[in-house]
Amino acid sequence: MPHVVWVDELNAEHQPEVRELLRAVRASDGRPDPGPGGGLPEDLSTGPYALAYRDAELVGFAQLDQRGDAFGREVAELFVHPEHRGRGHGGSLAAAVTERASRTLRYWSHGDHPAAARIARRAGLRRVRELLRMRADLTSCTLDEPRLPADVRVRTFVPGQDERAVIDVNARAFAWHPEQGALTVGELRETEQQDWFDPEGFFLAEEPEGSAGGLLGFHWTKVHPPDPDGRDVEVGEVYVVGVDPRAHGRGLGTALTLAGLRYLDRRGLREVILYVEGDNPAAITVYNRLGFGTESTDVQYELAR
């Protein structure tokens, strides 16, 4: 069995070996996506972390997000080096994480990996969530002019002006969502400082000035830079599409999605990805109609306490 060590932060000694393990996992499984500059993925940026060693070699790695999701559940991810799989290391890591967690715990399995499913069965975890990763080739999509209600206009985001309105709509649109609904004004402003943020790719649908409606929805796009360990071209993303529940049924979700896709097309991007909950058939239907197909499925397993 491996020797598991817990650390609150990854120091200069740990980071190279963790990055090397994650590169090997990515080469085998296609995930996780690297962080900025080839560093740790952004969703693994906070500890504590479990490091599993076998004869001084790092064979497994896990992160436990004790801040929790929007509903207070702790969330974990674990990775085993492809050359050391099938030896019980994943189960040992899962046991260590479960012992460390103090409340309801969810595990991610990116790509719905069969080994993760086996570990989940042995540990008595329930499959509770599916997140679809969809992809489209814009050269084969029909990107029609967005059809908006007569009293609605679309403009781009203005930093320093629109944060509060976006966060308010986001909270209502994603009140049910484990992650997105908890976004704060401060976190949005922090994201604005990242290299990839571009207000020209952040579209807002609103009613005319002076009306009672205000902001009705938004489409926030993202452009991923080339990845030296994988893709060698920029890839666009339908990062977040949110529509205020009071504006449902007016076609704003489709119109905003088209506005963002047309922007990504004008930038010369060919590939676009998005993530959508597996239990959101209405959104999946819209994306299928626009030319997206399911590429992979991420799964969450839950251990209730």
C-alpha atoms as a PDB file:
ATOM      1  CA  MET A   1       0.000   0.000   0.000  1.00  0.00           C
ATOM      2  CA  PRO A   2       1.262   3.526  -0.685  1.00  0.00           C
ATOM      3  CA  HIS A   3       2.340   5.924   2.021  1.00  0.00           C
ATOM      4  CA  VAL A   4      -0.095   8.875   2.026  1.00  0.00           C
ATOM      5  CA  VAL A   5       1.088  12.296   3.202  1.00  0.00           C
ATOM      6  CA  TRP A   6      -1.220  15.295   3.705  1.00  0.00           C
ATOM      7  CA  VAL A   7       0.000  18.843   3.023  1.00  0.00           C
ATOM      8  CA  ASP A   8      -1.899  22.130   3.135  1.00  0.00           C
ATOM      9  CA  GLU A   9       0.109  23.652   0.279  1.00  0.00           C
ATOM     10  CA  LEU A  10       2.278  22.315  -2.524  1.00  0.00           C
ATOM     11  CA  ASN A  11       5.788  23.639  -1.953  1.00  0.00           C
ATOM     12  CA  ALA A  12       8.650  23.929  -4.429  1.00  0.00           C
ATOM     13  CA  GLU A  13       9.529  20.263  -3.855  1.00  0.00           C
ATOM     14  CA  HIS A  14       6.018  18.955  -4.426  1.00  0.00           C
ATOM     15  CA  GLN A  15       4.959  21.033  -7.422  1.00  0.00           C
ATOM     16  CA  PRO A  16       7.271  19.507 -10.078  1.00  0.00           C
ATOM     17  CA  GLU A  17       6.352  15.922  -9.189  1.00  0.00           C
ATOM     18  CA  VAL A  18       2.637  16.739  -9.067  1.00  0.00           C
ATOM     19  CA  ARG A  19       2.790  18.501 -12.447  1.00  0.00           C
ATOM     20  CA  GLU A  20       4.636  15.515 -13.922  1.00  0.00           C
ATOM     21  CA  LEU A  21       2.005  13.100 -12.577  1.00  0.00           C
ATOM     22  CA  LEU A  22      -0.832  15.236 -13.970  1.00  0.00           C
ATOM     23  CA  ARG A  23       0.900  15.440 -17.370  1.00  0.00           C
ATOM     24  CA  ALA A  24       1.070  11.635 -17.444  1.00  0.00           C
ATOM     25  CA  VAL A  25      -2.616  11.409 -16.492  1.00  0.00           C
ATOM     26  CA  ARG A  26      -3.515  13.916 -19.206  1.00  0.00           C
ATOM     27  CA  ALA A  27      -1.518  12.004 -21.823  1.00  0.00           C
ATOM     28  CA  SER A  28      -3.445   8.849 -20.904  1.00  0.00           C
ATOM     29  CA  ASP A  29      -6.932  10.203 -20.191  1.00  0.00           C
ATOM     30  CA  GLY A  30      -7.102  13.557 -21.983  1.00  0.00           C
ATOM     31  CA  ARG A  31      -7.699  15.383 -18.687  1.00  0.00           C
ATOM     32  CA  PRO A  32      -7.116  17.399 -16.571  1.00  0.00           C
ATOM     33  CA  ASP A  33      -6.585  20.569 -18.565  1.00  0.00           C
ATOM     34  CA  PRO A  34      -3.462  22.414 -17.402  1.00  0.00           C
ATOM     35  CA  GLY A  35      -3.615  25.761 -15.675  1.00  0.00           C
ATOM     36  CA  PRO A  36      -2.123  29.033 -16.935  1.00  0.00           C
ATOM     37  CA  GLY A  37       1.434  28.611 -18.166  1.00  0.00           C
ATOM     38  CA  GLY A  38       1.194  24.841 -17.853  1.00  0.00           C
ATOM     39  CA  GLY A  39       0.771  24.999 -14.092  1.00  0.00           C
ATOM     40  CA  LEU A  40      -1.747  23.267 -11.865  1.00  0.00           C
ATOM     41  CA  PRO A  41      -5.364  23.337 -13.049  1.00  0.00           C
ATOM     42  CA  GLU A  42      -7.197  26.293 -11.523  1.00  0.00           C
ATOM     43  CA  ASP A  43      -9.688  24.051  -9.713  1.00  0.00           C
ATOM     44  CA  LEU A  44      -6.806  22.373  -7.862  1.00  0.00           C
ATOM     45  CA  SER A  45      -5.385  25.642  -6.573  1.00  0.00           C
ATOM     46  CA  THR A  46      -6.317  25.170  -2.904  1.00  0.00           C
ATOM     47  CA  GLY A  47      -5.516  22.329  -0.505  1.00  0.00           C
ATOM     48  CA  PRO A  48      -5.292  20.250   1.491  1.00  0.00           C
ATOM     49  CA  TYR A  49      -3.636  17.678  -0.756  1.00  0.00           C
ATOM     50  CA  ALA A  50      -2.905  13.979  -0.313  1.00  0.00           C
ATOM     51  CA  LEU A  51       0.328  12.686  -1.858  1.00  0.00           C
ATOM     52  CA  ALA A  52       0.646   8.909  -2.258  1.00  0.00           C
ATOM     53  CA  TYR A  53       4.209   7.564  -2.456  1.00  0.00           C
ATOM     54  CA  ARG A  54       5.527   4.116  -3.309  1.00  0.00           C
ATOM     55  CA  ASP A  55       9.266   3.706  -2.711  1.00  0.00           C
ATOM     56  CA  ALA A  56       9.725   7.516  -2.730  1.00  0.00           C
ATOM     57  CA  GLU A  57       7.936   7.847  -6.094  1.00  0.00           C
ATOM     58  CA  LEU A  58       4.716   9.852  -6.329  1.00  0.00           C
ATOM     59  CA  VAL A  59       2.083   7.417  -7.622  1.00  0.00           C
ATOM     60  CA  GLY A  60      -1.106   9.272  -6.705  1.00  0.00           C
ATOM     61  CA  PHE A  61      -2.438  12.697  -5.845  1.00  0.00           C
ATOM     62  CA  ALA A  62      -5.709  13.987  -4.408  1.00  0.00           C
ATOM     63  CA  GLN A  63      -7.184  17.362  -3.582  1.00  0.00           C
ATOM     64  CA  LEU A  64      -9.900  17.978  -0.993  1.00  0.00           C
ATOM     65  CA  ASP A  65     -11.737  21.277  -1.377  1.00  0.00           C
ATOM     66  CA  GLN A  66     -12.974  21.900   2.147  1.00  0.00           C
ATOM     67  CA  ARG A  67     -14.515  25.250   1.233  1.00  0.00           C
ATOM     68  CA  GLY A  68     -17.213  23.147  -0.366  1.00  0.00           C
ATOM     69  CA  ASP A  69     -19.645  23.798  -3.170  1.00  0.00           C
ATOM     70  CA  ALA A  70     -22.599  26.192  -3.039  1.00  0.00           C
ATOM     71  CA  PHE A  71     -24.482  23.722  -0.819  1.00  0.00           C
ATOM     72  CA  GLY A  72     -21.658  23.113   1.660  1.00  0.00           C
ATOM     73  CA  ARG A  73     -20.514  19.724   0.336  1.00  0.00           C
ATOM     74  CA  GLU A  74     -16.777  19.028   0.307  1.00  0.00           C
ATOM     75  CA  VAL A  75     -15.442  18.100  -3.138  1.00  0.00           C
ATOM     76  CA  ALA A  76     -12.464  15.879  -3.965  1.00  0.00           C
ATOM     77  CA  GLU A  77     -10.487  14.846  -7.028  1.00  0.00           C
ATOM     78  CA  LEU A  78      -7.891  12.114  -7.171  1.00  0.00           C
ATOM     79  CA  PHE A  79      -5.404  10.971  -9.800  1.00  0.00           C
ATOM     80  CA  VAL A  80      -3.239   7.857 -10.097  1.00  0.00           C
ATOM     81  CA  HIS A  81      -0.219   7.694 -12.398  1.00  0.00           C
ATOM     82  CA  PRO A  82      -1.112   5.501 -15.416  1.00  0.00           C
ATOM     83  CA  GLU A  83       1.920   3.270 -14.824  1.00  0.00           C
ATOM     84  CA  HIS A  84       0.772   2.489 -11.284  1.00  0.00           C
ATOM     85  CA  ARG A  85      -2.913   1.759 -11.781  1.00  0.00           C
ATOM     86  CA  GLY A  86      -4.614  -1.482 -10.865  1.00  0.00           C
ATOM     87  CA  ARG A  87      -2.660  -1.831  -7.615  1.00  0.00           C
ATOM     88  CA  GLY A  88      -5.110  -0.352  -5.131  1.00  0.00           C
ATOM     89  CA  HIS A  89      -3.528   3.102  -4.974  1.00  0.00           C
ATOM     90  CA  GLY A  90      -6.760   4.848  -5.980  1.00  0.00           C
ATOM     91  CA  GLY A  91      -8.676   3.047  -3.254  1.00  0.00           C
ATOM     92  CA  SER A  92      -6.040   3.998  -0.682  1.00  0.00           C
ATOM     93  CA  LEU A  93      -6.260   7.651  -1.685  1.00  0.00           C
ATOM     94  CA  ALA A  94     -10.060   7.577  -1.593  1.00  0.00           C
ATOM     95  CA  ALA A  95      -9.985   6.069   1.906  1.00  0.00           C
ATOM     96  CA  ALA A  96      -7.577   8.769   3.092  1.00  0.00           C
ATOM     97  CA  VAL A  97      -9.753  11.537   1.645  1.00  0.00           C
ATOM     98  CA  THR A  98     -12.942  10.066   3.111  1.00  0.00           C
ATOM     99  CA  GLU A  99     -11.325   9.873   6.546  1.00  0.00           C
ATOM    100  CA  ARG A 100     -10.184  13.501   6.291  1.00  0.00           C
ATOM    101  CA  ALA A 101     -13.550  14.901   5.148  1.00  0.00           C
ATOM    102  CA  SER A 102     -15.899  16.129   7.852  1.00  0.00           C
ATOM    103  CA  ARG A 103     -19.235  16.391   6.029  1.00  0.00           C
ATOM    104  CA  THR A 104     -21.038  15.250   2.877  1.00  0.00           C
ATOM    105  CA  LEU A 105     -18.353  14.508   0.300  1.00  0.00           C
ATOM    106  CA  ARG A 106     -18.442  14.406  -3.488  1.00  0.00           C
ATOM    107  CA  TYR A 107     -15.773  12.967  -5.773  1.00  0.00           C
ATOM    108  CA  TRP A 108     -15.199  14.015  -9.370  1.00  0.00           C
ATOM    109  CA  SER A 109     -14.502  11.399 -12.029  1.00  0.00           C
ATOM    110  CA  HIS A 110     -13.510  13.318 -15.148  1.00  0.00           C
ATOM    111  CA  GLY A 111     -14.280  11.331 -18.258  1.00  0.00           C
ATOM    112  CA  ASP A 112     -16.329   8.796 -16.262  1.00  0.00           C
ATOM    113  CA  HIS A 113     -13.249   6.608 -15.824  1.00  0.00           C
ATOM    114  CA  PRO A 114     -14.035   2.882 -15.276  1.00  0.00           C
ATOM    115  CA  ALA A 115     -11.489   2.667 -12.449  1.00  0.00           C
ATOM    116  CA  ALA A 116     -13.275   5.476 -10.614  1.00  0.00           C
ATOM    117  CA  ALA A 117     -16.565   3.620 -11.001  1.00  0.00           C
ATOM    118  CA  ARG A 118     -15.014   0.508  -9.426  1.00  0.00           C
ATOM    119  CA  ILE A 119     -13.603   2.506  -6.512  1.00  0.00           C
ATOM    120  CA  ALA A 120     -16.992   4.169  -6.017  1.00  0.00           C
ATOM    121  CA  ARG A 121     -18.791   0.815  -5.876  1.00  0.00           C
ATOM    122  CA  ARG A 122     -16.367  -0.565  -3.307  1.00  0.00           C
ATOM    123  CA  ALA A 123     -16.639   2.589  -1.183  1.00  0.00           C
ATOM    124  CA  GLY A 124     -20.433   2.708  -1.316  1.00  0.00           C
ATOM    125  CA  LEU A 125     -20.576   5.997  -3.232  1.00  0.00           C
ATOM    126  CA  ARG A 126     -23.659   6.996  -5.239  1.00  0.00           C
ATOM    127  CA  ARG A 127     -23.520   8.420  -8.758  1.00  0.00           C
ATOM    128  CA  VAL A 128     -25.370  11.738  -8.327  1.00  0.00           C
ATOM    129  CA  ARG A 129     -24.328  14.110 -11.119  1.00  0.00           C
ATOM    130  CA  GLU A 130     -23.285  14.076 -14.776  1.00  0.00           C
ATOM    131  CA  LEU A 131     -21.617  17.020 -16.517  1.00  0.00           C
ATOM    132  CA  LEU A 132     -21.396  16.760 -20.302  1.00  0.00           C
ATOM    133  CA  ARG A 133     -18.468  18.223 -22.204  1.00  0.00           C
ATOM    134  CA  MET A 134     -19.672  19.136 -25.694  1.00  0.00           C
ATOM    135  CA  ARG A 135     -17.694  20.284 -28.726  1.00  0.00           C
ATOM    136  CA  ALA A 136     -18.492  21.916 -32.062  1.00  0.00           C
ATOM    137  CA  ASP A 137     -16.564  22.699 -35.241  1.00  0.00           C
ATOM    138  CA  LEU A 138     -17.623  26.228 -36.148  1.00  0.00           C
ATOM    139  CA  THR A 139     -16.789  25.667 -39.805  1.00  0.00           C
ATOM    140  CA  SER A 140     -19.695  23.211 -40.002  1.00  0.00           C
ATOM    141  CA  CYS A 141     -22.152  25.219 -37.866  1.00  0.00           C
ATOM    142  CA  THR A 142     -24.856  27.534 -39.156  1.00  0.00           C
ATOM    143  CA  LEU A 143     -24.422  30.690 -37.093  1.00  0.00           C
ATOM    144  CA  ASP A 144     -27.585  32.630 -37.821  1.00  0.00           C
ATOM    145  CA  GLU A 145     -28.111  36.240 -36.799  1.00  0.00           C
ATOM    146  CA  PRO A 146     -29.465  36.173 -33.217  1.00  0.00           C
ATOM    147  CA  ARG A 147     -33.219  36.750 -33.074  1.00  0.00           C
ATOM    148  CA  LEU A 148     -34.003  39.033 -30.153  1.00  0.00           C
ATOM    149  CA  PRO A 149     -37.322  40.308 -28.813  1.00  0.00           C
ATOM    150  CA  ALA A 150     -38.041  43.808 -30.113  1.00  0.00           C
ATOM    151  CA  ASP A 151     -37.478  45.397 -26.706  1.00  0.00           C
ATOM    152  CA  VAL A 152     -34.116  43.718 -26.004  1.00  0.00           C
ATOM    153  CA  ARG A 153     -30.631  44.765 -27.074  1.00  0.00           C
ATOM    154  CA  VAL A 154     -27.272  43.017 -26.730  1.00  0.00           C
ATOM    155  CA  ARG A 155     -24.097  44.858 -25.779  1.00  0.00           C
ATOM    156  CA  THR A 156     -20.749  43.906 -24.288  1.00  0.00           C
ATOM    157  CA  PHE A 157     -19.713  43.954 -20.646  1.00  0.00           C
ATOM    158  CA  VAL A 158     -18.245  47.145 -19.160  1.00  0.00           C
ATOM    159  CA  PRO A 159     -15.760  46.467 -16.317  1.00  0.00           C
ATOM    160  CA  GLY A 160     -16.474  48.565 -13.264  1.00  0.00           C
ATOM    161  CA  GLN A 161     -20.102  49.053 -14.253  1.00  0.00           C
ATOM    162  CA  ASP A 162     -21.835  45.723 -14.854  1.00  0.00           C
ATOM    163  CA  GLU A 163     -20.511  43.393 -12.143  1.00  0.00           C
ATOM    164  CA  ARG A 164     -23.392  43.712  -9.695  1.00  0.00           C
ATOM    165  CA  ALA A 165     -26.101  43.257 -12.336  1.00  0.00           C
ATOM    166  CA  VAL A 166     -24.358  40.172 -13.748  1.00  0.00           C
ATOM    167  CA  ILE A 167     -23.913  38.617 -10.292  1.00  0.00           C
ATOM    168  CA  ASP A 168     -27.558  39.227  -9.393  1.00  0.00           C
ATOM    169  CA  VAL A 169     -28.804  37.551 -12.593  1.00  0.00           C
ATOM    170  CA  ASN A 170     -26.234  34.766 -12.199  1.00  0.00           C
ATOM    171  CA  ALA A 171     -27.452  34.018  -8.664  1.00  0.00           C
ATOM    172  CA  ARG A 172     -31.063  33.712  -9.826  1.00  0.00           C
ATOM    173  CA  ALA A 173     -30.228  31.776 -12.991  1.00  0.00           C
ATOM    174  CA  PHE A 174     -28.005  29.275 -11.146  1.00  0.00           C
ATOM    175  CA  ALA A 175     -29.628  29.088  -7.711  1.00  0.00           C
ATOM    176  CA  TRP A 176     -29.725  25.300  -8.188  1.00  0.00           C
ATOM    177  CA  HIS A 177     -26.101  24.933  -9.343  1.00  0.00           C
ATOM    178  CA  PRO A 178     -23.383  23.489  -7.042  1.00  0.00           C
ATOM    179  CA  GLU A 179     -20.693  25.927  -8.234  1.00  0.00           C
ATOM    180  CA  GLN A 180     -21.826  28.698 -10.560  1.00  0.00           C
ATOM    181  CA  GLY A 181     -24.553  30.178  -8.373  1.00  0.00           C
ATOM    182  CA  ALA A 182     -22.068  31.103  -5.636  1.00  0.00           C
ATOM    183  CA  LEU A 183     -20.021  33.497  -7.813  1.00  0.00           C
ATOM    184  CA  THR A 184     -19.412  36.841  -6.077  1.00  0.00           C
ATOM    185  CA  VAL A 185     -18.657  40.348  -7.320  1.00  0.00           C
ATOM    186  CA  GLY A 186     -15.167  40.034  -5.863  1.00  0.00           C
ATOM    187  CA  GLU A 187     -14.493  36.782  -7.701  1.00  0.00           C
ATOM    188  CA  LEU A 188     -15.753  38.277 -10.965  1.00  0.00           C
ATOM    189  CA  ARG A 189     -13.439  41.260 -10.547  1.00  0.00           C
ATOM    190  CA  GLU A 190     -10.518  38.913  -9.828  1.00  0.00           C
ATOM    191  CA  THR A 191     -11.299  37.018 -13.038  1.00  0.00           C
ATOM    192  CA  GLU A 192     -11.234  40.291 -14.966  1.00  0.00           C
ATOM    193  CA  GLN A 193      -7.525  40.515 -14.103  1.00  0.00           C
ATOM    194  CA  GLN A 194      -6.685  37.188 -15.736  1.00  0.00           C
ATOM    195  CA  ASP A 195      -4.981  37.166 -19.121  1.00  0.00           C
ATOM    196  CA  TRP A 196      -7.815  35.370 -20.883  1.00  0.00           C
ATOM    197  CA  PHE A 197     -10.569  37.788 -19.823  1.00  0.00           C
ATOM    198  CA  ASP A 198     -11.935  39.874 -22.706  1.00  0.00           C
ATOM    199  CA  PRO A 199     -14.984  42.111 -22.173  1.00  0.00           C
ATOM    200  CA  GLU A 200     -15.562  42.090 -25.936  1.00  0.00           C
ATOM    201  CA  GLY A 201     -16.499  38.418 -25.590  1.00  0.00           C
ATOM    202  CA  PHE A 202     -18.899  38.983 -22.679  1.00  0.00           C
ATOM    203  CA  PHE A 203     -22.405  39.686 -24.004  1.00  0.00           C
ATOM    204  CA  LEU A 204     -25.302  41.185 -22.031  1.00  0.00           C
ATOM    205  CA  ALA A 205     -28.980  41.161 -23.044  1.00  0.00           C
ATOM    206  CA  GLU A 206     -30.967  43.970 -21.501  1.00  0.00           C
ATOM    207  CA  GLU A 207     -34.167  45.903 -21.834  1.00  0.00           C
ATOM    208  CA  PRO A 208     -34.003  49.608 -22.749  1.00  0.00           C
ATOM    209  CA  GLU A 209     -32.646  52.100 -20.240  1.00  0.00           C
ATOM    210  CA  GLY A 210     -35.370  53.314 -17.940  1.00  0.00           C
ATOM    211  CA  SER A 211     -37.455  50.134 -18.146  1.00  0.00           C
ATOM    212  CA  ALA A 212     -38.078  47.950 -15.119  1.00  0.00           C
ATOM    213  CA  GLY A 213     -36.340  45.015 -16.714  1.00  0.00           C
ATOM    214  CA  GLY A 214     -32.631  45.848 -16.758  1.00  0.00           C
ATOM    215  CA  LEU A 215     -30.263  42.936 -17.379  1.00  0.00           C
ATOM    216  CA  LEU A 216     -32.031  39.790 -18.582  1.00  0.00           C
ATOM    217  CA  GLY A 217     -29.154  37.444 -19.365  1.00  0.00           C
ATOM    218  CA  PHE A 218     -25.537  37.106 -20.421  1.00  0.00           C
ATOM    219  CA  HIS A 219     -23.105  34.931 -22.373  1.00  0.00           C
ATOM    220  CA  TRP A 220     -19.530  34.921 -21.150  1.00  0.00           C
ATOM    221  CA  THR A 221     -17.087  33.370 -23.617  1.00  0.00           C
ATOM    222  CA  LYS A 222     -13.532  32.223 -22.996  1.00  0.00           C
ATOM    223  CA  VAL A 223     -10.588  31.525 -25.293  1.00  0.00           C
ATOM    224  CA  HIS A 224      -8.108  28.862 -24.197  1.00  0.00           C
ATOM    225  CA  PRO A 225      -4.526  29.393 -25.411  1.00  0.00           C
ATOM    226  CA  PRO A 226      -2.619  26.649 -27.231  1.00  0.00           C
ATOM    227  CA  ASP A 227      -1.549  23.855 -24.906  1.00  0.00           C
ATOM    228  CA  PRO A 228       2.071  22.698 -25.376  1.00  0.00           C
ATOM    229  CA  ASP A 229       1.144  19.278 -23.958  1.00  0.00           C
ATOM    230  CA  GLY A 230      -1.903  18.794 -26.186  1.00  0.00           C
ATOM    231  CA  ARG A 231      -3.811  21.003 -28.638  1.00  0.00           C
ATOM    232  CA  ASP A 232      -1.685  23.476 -30.605  1.00  0.00           C
ATOM    233  CA  VAL A 233      -4.471  25.942 -31.452  1.00  0.00           C
ATOM    234  CA  GLU A 234      -6.724  28.273 -29.496  1.00  0.00           C
ATOM    235  CA  VAL A 235     -10.050  26.775 -28.439  1.00  0.00           C
ATOM    236  CA  GLY A 236     -13.153  28.807 -27.628  1.00  0.00           C
ATOM    237  CA  GLU A 237     -15.583  28.056 -24.844  1.00  0.00           C
ATOM    238  CA  VAL A 238     -19.201  28.861 -24.142  1.00  0.00           C
ATOM    239  CA  TYR A 239     -18.092  29.629 -20.596  1.00  0.00           C
ATOM    240  CA  VAL A 240     -21.379  30.677 -18.969  1.00  0.00           C
ATOM    241  CA  VAL A 241     -24.832  31.373 -20.413  1.00  0.00           C
ATOM    242  CA  GLY A 242     -27.247  32.675 -17.798  1.00  0.00           C
ATOM    243  CA  VAL A 243     -30.809  33.911 -18.264  1.00  0.00           C
ATOM    244  CA  ASP A 244     -32.883  35.430 -15.475  1.00  0.00           C
ATOM    245  CA  PRO A 245     -35.808  33.069 -14.725  1.00  0.00           C
ATOM    246  CA  ARG A 246     -38.254  35.944 -15.264  1.00  0.00           C
ATOM    247  CA  ALA A 247     -37.055  36.153 -18.899  1.00  0.00           C
ATOM    248  CA  HIS A 248     -37.371  32.452 -19.720  1.00  0.00           C
ATOM    249  CA  GLY A 249     -39.348  31.530 -22.808  1.00  0.00           C
ATOM    250  CA  ARG A 250     -38.219  34.520 -24.880  1.00  0.00           C
ATOM    251  CA  GLY A 251     -35.424  32.785 -26.797  1.00  0.00           C
ATOM    252  CA  LEU A 252     -32.670  34.698 -25.035  1.00  0.00           C
ATOM    253  CA  GLY A 253     -30.539  31.634 -24.281  1.00  0.00           C
ATOM    254  CA  THR A 254     -30.284  30.709 -27.958  1.00  0.00           C
ATOM    255  CA  ALA A 255     -29.784  34.325 -29.059  1.00  0.00           C
ATOM    256  CA  LEU A 256     -27.010  34.948 -26.536  1.00  0.00           C
ATOM    257  CA  THR A 257     -25.304  31.666 -27.399  1.00  0.00           C
ATOM    258  CA  LEU A 258     -25.315  32.619 -31.082  1.00  0.00           C
ATOM    259  CA  ALA A 259     -23.923  36.070 -30.299  1.00  0.00           C
ATOM    260  CA  GLY A 260     -20.981  34.494 -28.501  1.00  0.00           C
ATOM    261  CA  LEU A 261     -20.372  31.837 -31.148  1.00  0.00           C
ATOM    262  CA  ARG A 262     -20.370  34.461 -33.907  1.00  0.00           C
ATOM    263  CA  TYR A 263     -17.809  36.433 -31.912  1.00  0.00           C
ATOM    264  CA  LEU A 264     -15.571  33.363 -31.540  1.00  0.00           C
ATOM    265  CA  ASP A 265     -15.976  32.675 -35.259  1.00  0.00           C
ATOM    266  CA  ARG A 266     -14.903  36.241 -36.110  1.00  0.00           C
ATOM    267  CA  ARG A 267     -11.791  35.665 -34.013  1.00  0.00           C
ATOM    268  CA  GLY A 268     -10.915  32.810 -36.340  1.00  0.00           C
ATOM    269  CA  LEU A 269     -11.501  29.995 -33.865  1.00  0.00           C
ATOM    270  CA  ARG A 270     -12.603  26.651 -35.216  1.00  0.00           C
ATOM    271  CA  GLU A 271     -13.205  24.520 -32.125  1.00  0.00           C
ATOM    272  CA  VAL A 272     -15.560  25.492 -29.300  1.00  0.00           C
ATOM    273  CA  ILE A 273     -16.342  23.520 -26.146  1.00  0.00           C
ATOM    274  CA  LEU A 274     -18.902  23.890 -23.382  1.00  0.00           C
ATOM    275  CA  TYR A 275     -20.065  22.119 -20.234  1.00  0.00           C
ATOM    276  CA  VAL A 276     -23.718  21.432 -19.471  1.00  0.00           C
ATOM    277  CA  GLU A 277     -25.488  19.462 -16.759  1.00  0.00           C
ATOM    278  CA  GLY A 278     -26.708  16.060 -17.914  1.00  0.00           C
ATOM    279  CA  ASP A 279     -30.132  16.676 -16.368  1.00  0.00           C
ATOM    280  CA  ASN A 280     -30.719  19.865 -18.395  1.00  0.00           C
ATOM    281  CA  PRO A 281     -32.346  18.446 -21.548  1.00  0.00           C
ATOM    282  CA  ALA A 282     -33.590  21.840 -22.746  1.00  0.00           C
ATOM    283  CA  ALA A 283     -30.068  23.271 -22.910  1.00  0.00           C
ATOM    284  CA  ILE A 284     -28.671  20.079 -24.460  1.00  0.00           C
ATOM    285  CA  THR A 285     -31.327  20.273 -27.191  1.00  0.00           C
ATOM    286  CA  VAL A 286     -30.344  23.879 -27.968  1.00  0.00           C
ATOM    287  CA  TYR A 287     -26.655  22.977 -28.165  1.00  0.00           C
ATOM    288  CA  ASN A 288     -27.319  19.938 -30.348  1.00  0.00           C
ATOM    289  CA  ARG A 289     -29.340  22.129 -32.698  1.00  0.00           C
ATOM    290  CA  LEU A 290     -26.413  24.560 -32.928  1.00  0.00           C
ATOM    291  CA  GLY A 291     -24.017  21.766 -33.910  1.00  0.00           C
ATOM    292  CA  PHE A 292     -22.531  20.573 -30.616  1.00  0.00           C
ATOM    293  CA  GLY A 293     -22.027  16.900 -29.832  1.00  0.00           C
ATOM    294  CA  THR A 294     -21.139  15.222 -26.538  1.00  0.00           C
ATOM    295  CA  GLU A 295     -17.410  14.558 -26.284  1.00  0.00           C
ATOM    296  CA  SER A 296     -17.152  13.161 -22.747  1.00  0.00           C
ATOM    297  CA  THR A 297     -18.995  12.951 -19.439  1.00  0.00           C
ATOM    298  CA  ASP A 298     -17.737  13.978 -16.018  1.00  0.00           C
ATOM    299  CA  VAL A 299     -19.388  12.300 -13.035  1.00  0.00           C
ATOM    300  CA  GLN A 300     -19.744  13.115  -9.362  1.00  0.00           C
ATOM    301  CA  TYR A 301     -20.113  10.409  -6.731  1.00  0.00           C
ATOM    302  CA  GLU A 302     -21.403  11.209  -3.260  1.00  0.00           C
ATOM    303  CA  LEU A 303     -20.757   9.860   0.211  1.00  0.00           C
ATOM    304  CA  ALA A 304     -23.433  11.150   2.579  1.00  0.00           C
ATOM    305  CA  ARG A 305     -22.633  11.614   6.264  1.00  0.00           C
END
